[in-house]
Amino acid sequence: MSWSVEYLKAAANDLDKLDRSQQIQVLKAITKVAQNPLPNYEGGYGKPLSNQSTSKLASYCKIKLQKLGIRVVYGIVKEDHVMKVM
């Protein structure tokens, strides 16, 4: 079951700043992870961000596109099956 994907305004702006080939790769990665965006310890594709006490992103997950040098950060709303890209 695929989750719905929502983009925050800042994420949409960042996506628009990428060139077309980078946009395609990022959107493919987001589409793949949207099939199961849960953290990998729950059987999903997501990799949790570090759990440092000072980190504001501790409850979020990431997708790393190493060749592009891009990291996509997203949060999950489990009740509504929504993946929010930040």
C-alpha atoms as a PDB file:
ATOM      1  CA  MET A   1       0.000   0.000   0.000  1.00  0.00           C
ATOM      2  CA  SER A   2       1.452   3.324  -1.058  1.00  0.00           C
ATOM      3  CA  TRP A   3       1.333   6.288   1.290  1.00  0.00           C
ATOM      4  CA  SER A   4       0.317   9.735   0.080  1.00  0.00           C
ATOM      5  CA  VAL A   5       3.132  12.277  -0.211  1.00  0.00           C
ATOM      6  CA  GLU A   6       2.859  15.927   0.847  1.00  0.00           C
ATOM      7  CA  TYR A   7       5.549  18.549   0.329  1.00  0.00           C
ATOM      8  CA  LEU A   8       6.138  21.487   2.631  1.00  0.00           C
ATOM      9  CA  LYS A   9       6.546  24.769   0.772  1.00  0.00           C
ATOM     10  CA  ALA A  10      10.288  24.889   1.487  1.00  0.00           C
ATOM     11  CA  ALA A  11      10.717  21.346   0.121  1.00  0.00           C
ATOM     12  CA  ALA A  12       8.836  22.212  -3.068  1.00  0.00           C
ATOM     13  CA  ASN A  13      11.022  25.296  -3.516  1.00  0.00           C
ATOM     14  CA  ASP A  14      14.189  23.244  -3.004  1.00  0.00           C
ATOM     15  CA  LEU A  15      12.976  20.686  -5.527  1.00  0.00           C
ATOM     16  CA  ASP A  16      12.325  23.444  -8.077  1.00  0.00           C
ATOM     17  CA  LYS A  17      15.913  24.686  -7.678  1.00  0.00           C
ATOM     18  CA  LEU A  18      17.354  21.335  -8.813  1.00  0.00           C
ATOM     19  CA  ASP A  19      18.031  20.697 -12.488  1.00  0.00           C
ATOM     20  CA  ARG A  20      15.612  18.410 -14.323  1.00  0.00           C
ATOM     21  CA  SER A  21      17.737  15.234 -14.145  1.00  0.00           C
ATOM     22  CA  GLN A  22      18.210  15.670 -10.381  1.00  0.00           C
ATOM     23  CA  GLN A  23      14.477  16.292  -9.924  1.00  0.00           C
ATOM     24  CA  ILE A  24      13.669  13.049 -11.721  1.00  0.00           C
ATOM     25  CA  GLN A  25      16.048  11.042  -9.511  1.00  0.00           C
ATOM     26  CA  VAL A  26      14.758  12.635  -6.298  1.00  0.00           C
ATOM     27  CA  LEU A  27      11.120  12.049  -7.274  1.00  0.00           C
ATOM     28  CA  LYS A  28      11.883   8.401  -8.152  1.00  0.00           C
ATOM     29  CA  ALA A  29      13.470   7.907  -4.725  1.00  0.00           C
ATOM     30  CA  ILE A  30      10.522   9.538  -2.956  1.00  0.00           C
ATOM     31  CA  THR A  31       8.063   7.386  -4.943  1.00  0.00           C
ATOM     32  CA  LYS A  32       9.971   4.216  -4.025  1.00  0.00           C
ATOM     33  CA  VAL A  33      10.139   5.084  -0.333  1.00  0.00           C
ATOM     34  CA  ALA A  34       6.442   6.097  -0.313  1.00  0.00           C
ATOM     35  CA  GLN A  35       5.601   2.411  -0.795  1.00  0.00           C
ATOM     36  CA  ASN A  36       6.740   1.863   2.819  1.00  0.00           C
ATOM     37  CA  PRO A  37       8.245   5.011   4.436  1.00  0.00           C
ATOM     38  CA  LEU A  38       8.464   3.537   7.922  1.00  0.00           C
ATOM     39  CA  PRO A  39      11.923   3.411   9.533  1.00  0.00           C
ATOM     40  CA  ASN A  40      14.041   0.392   8.610  1.00  0.00           C
ATOM     41  CA  TYR A  41      13.727  -1.030  12.140  1.00  0.00           C
ATOM     42  CA  GLU A  42       9.949  -1.252  11.489  1.00  0.00           C
ATOM     43  CA  GLY A  43      10.448  -2.975   8.123  1.00  0.00           C
ATOM     44  CA  GLY A  44      10.346   0.124   5.906  1.00  0.00           C
ATOM     45  CA  TYR A  45      12.774   1.891   3.588  1.00  0.00           C
ATOM     46  CA  GLY A  46      13.440   4.944   5.797  1.00  0.00           C
ATOM     47  CA  LYS A  47      16.652   5.537   7.673  1.00  0.00           C
ATOM     48  CA  PRO A  48      16.101   7.425  10.935  1.00  0.00           C
ATOM     49  CA  LEU A  49      18.029  10.612  11.591  1.00  0.00           C
ATOM     50  CA  SER A  50      20.280  10.652  14.625  1.00  0.00           C
ATOM     51  CA  ASN A  51      18.648  10.810  18.023  1.00  0.00           C
ATOM     52  CA  GLN A  52      20.705  13.563  19.568  1.00  0.00           C
ATOM     53  CA  SER A  53      18.900  15.462  22.286  1.00  0.00           C
ATOM     54  CA  THR A  54      19.615  18.798  20.576  1.00  0.00           C
ATOM     55  CA  SER A  55      18.439  17.667  17.140  1.00  0.00           C
ATOM     56  CA  LYS A  56      15.073  19.020  16.007  1.00  0.00           C
ATOM     57  CA  LEU A  57      14.895  16.283  13.359  1.00  0.00           C
ATOM     58  CA  ALA A  58      15.302  13.290  15.697  1.00  0.00           C
ATOM     59  CA  SER A  59      11.875  11.804  14.909  1.00  0.00           C
ATOM     60  CA  TYR A  60      12.260  12.081  11.132  1.00  0.00           C
ATOM     61  CA  CYS A  61      13.707   9.801   8.458  1.00  0.00           C
ATOM     62  CA  LYS A  62      15.965  10.438   5.488  1.00  0.00           C
ATOM     63  CA  ILE A  63      16.637   9.317   1.949  1.00  0.00           C
ATOM     64  CA  LYS A  64      20.241   9.817   0.869  1.00  0.00           C
ATOM     65  CA  LEU A  65      21.134  10.145  -2.785  1.00  0.00           C
ATOM     66  CA  GLN A  66      24.887   9.914  -2.357  1.00  0.00           C
ATOM     67  CA  LYS A  67      25.908  10.392  -5.985  1.00  0.00           C
ATOM     68  CA  LEU A  68      23.937  13.627  -6.126  1.00  0.00           C
ATOM     69  CA  GLY A  69      24.916  14.757  -2.635  1.00  0.00           C
ATOM     70  CA  ILE A  70      21.252  15.217  -1.704  1.00  0.00           C
ATOM     71  CA  ARG A  71      19.412  14.226   1.457  1.00  0.00           C
ATOM     72  CA  VAL A  72      15.608  14.203   1.567  1.00  0.00           C
ATOM     73  CA  VAL A  73      14.105  14.505   5.062  1.00  0.00           C
ATOM     74  CA  TYR A  74      10.544  13.391   5.740  1.00  0.00           C
ATOM     75  CA  GLY A  75       8.162  12.818   8.594  1.00  0.00           C
ATOM     76  CA  ILE A  76       5.388  10.253   8.884  1.00  0.00           C
ATOM     77  CA  VAL A  77       1.768  10.674   9.962  1.00  0.00           C
ATOM     78  CA  LYS A  78       0.844   7.044  10.623  1.00  0.00           C
ATOM     79  CA  GLU A  79      -2.855   7.578  11.259  1.00  0.00           C
ATOM     80  CA  ASP A  80      -3.464   9.212   7.858  1.00  0.00           C
ATOM     81  CA  HIS A  81      -0.770   7.264   5.926  1.00  0.00           C
ATOM     82  CA  VAL A  82       0.923  10.520   4.899  1.00  0.00           C
ATOM     83  CA  MET A  83       4.637  11.018   4.174  1.00  0.00           C
ATOM     84  CA  LYS A  84       5.546  14.713   4.609  1.00  0.00           C
ATOM     85  CA  VAL A  85       8.699  15.791   2.752  1.00  0.00           C
ATOM     86  CA  MET A  86      10.527  18.586   4.493  1.00  0.00           C
END
